[in-house]
Amino acid sequence: MSSHIQHHERNPMPLTVLMSMPITPGLNPEIIDEVLRHDLPHTASYPGNEVTEVIRAEENSAILVLLSKWSTREAYEAYSAWRRTPEGATRMAEIVSGPPTFQHFSSYMTFTG
């Protein structure tokens, strides 16, 4: 079995962001989907965004996690600043029961088959 290992020392470094969102209990899934479909195409098309995906823990469906990958930290910071403007405002408050939590990751090593 052959695999390729890449150690990441690229500068500027790509950034992966996990935003965990507690979803309001009992909320109609159609409303959740509507809000995500409204907000996330803007994230996906923002300059520097490489991946936008919503994932859900199988053990706890009350938490949705927005996984986004960015070409650079600067690209993410520009996006984050835009989201704090009236033009970038989201509808996420309609579906969350509390503030989201954020984790930021840089790539350390990649394995491919």
Foldseek 3Di string as FASTA:
>chain_A
DDKDKDFDPDPVFKKKKKKKFQWDPPDDVVVVVVQCVVQCVCVCPQPFWDDWDWDADPVDNRIIIIIIMGNHVVSVVVLVVCCPDPVNPGPCVVTGPDGIDMDMDTDGMDMGD
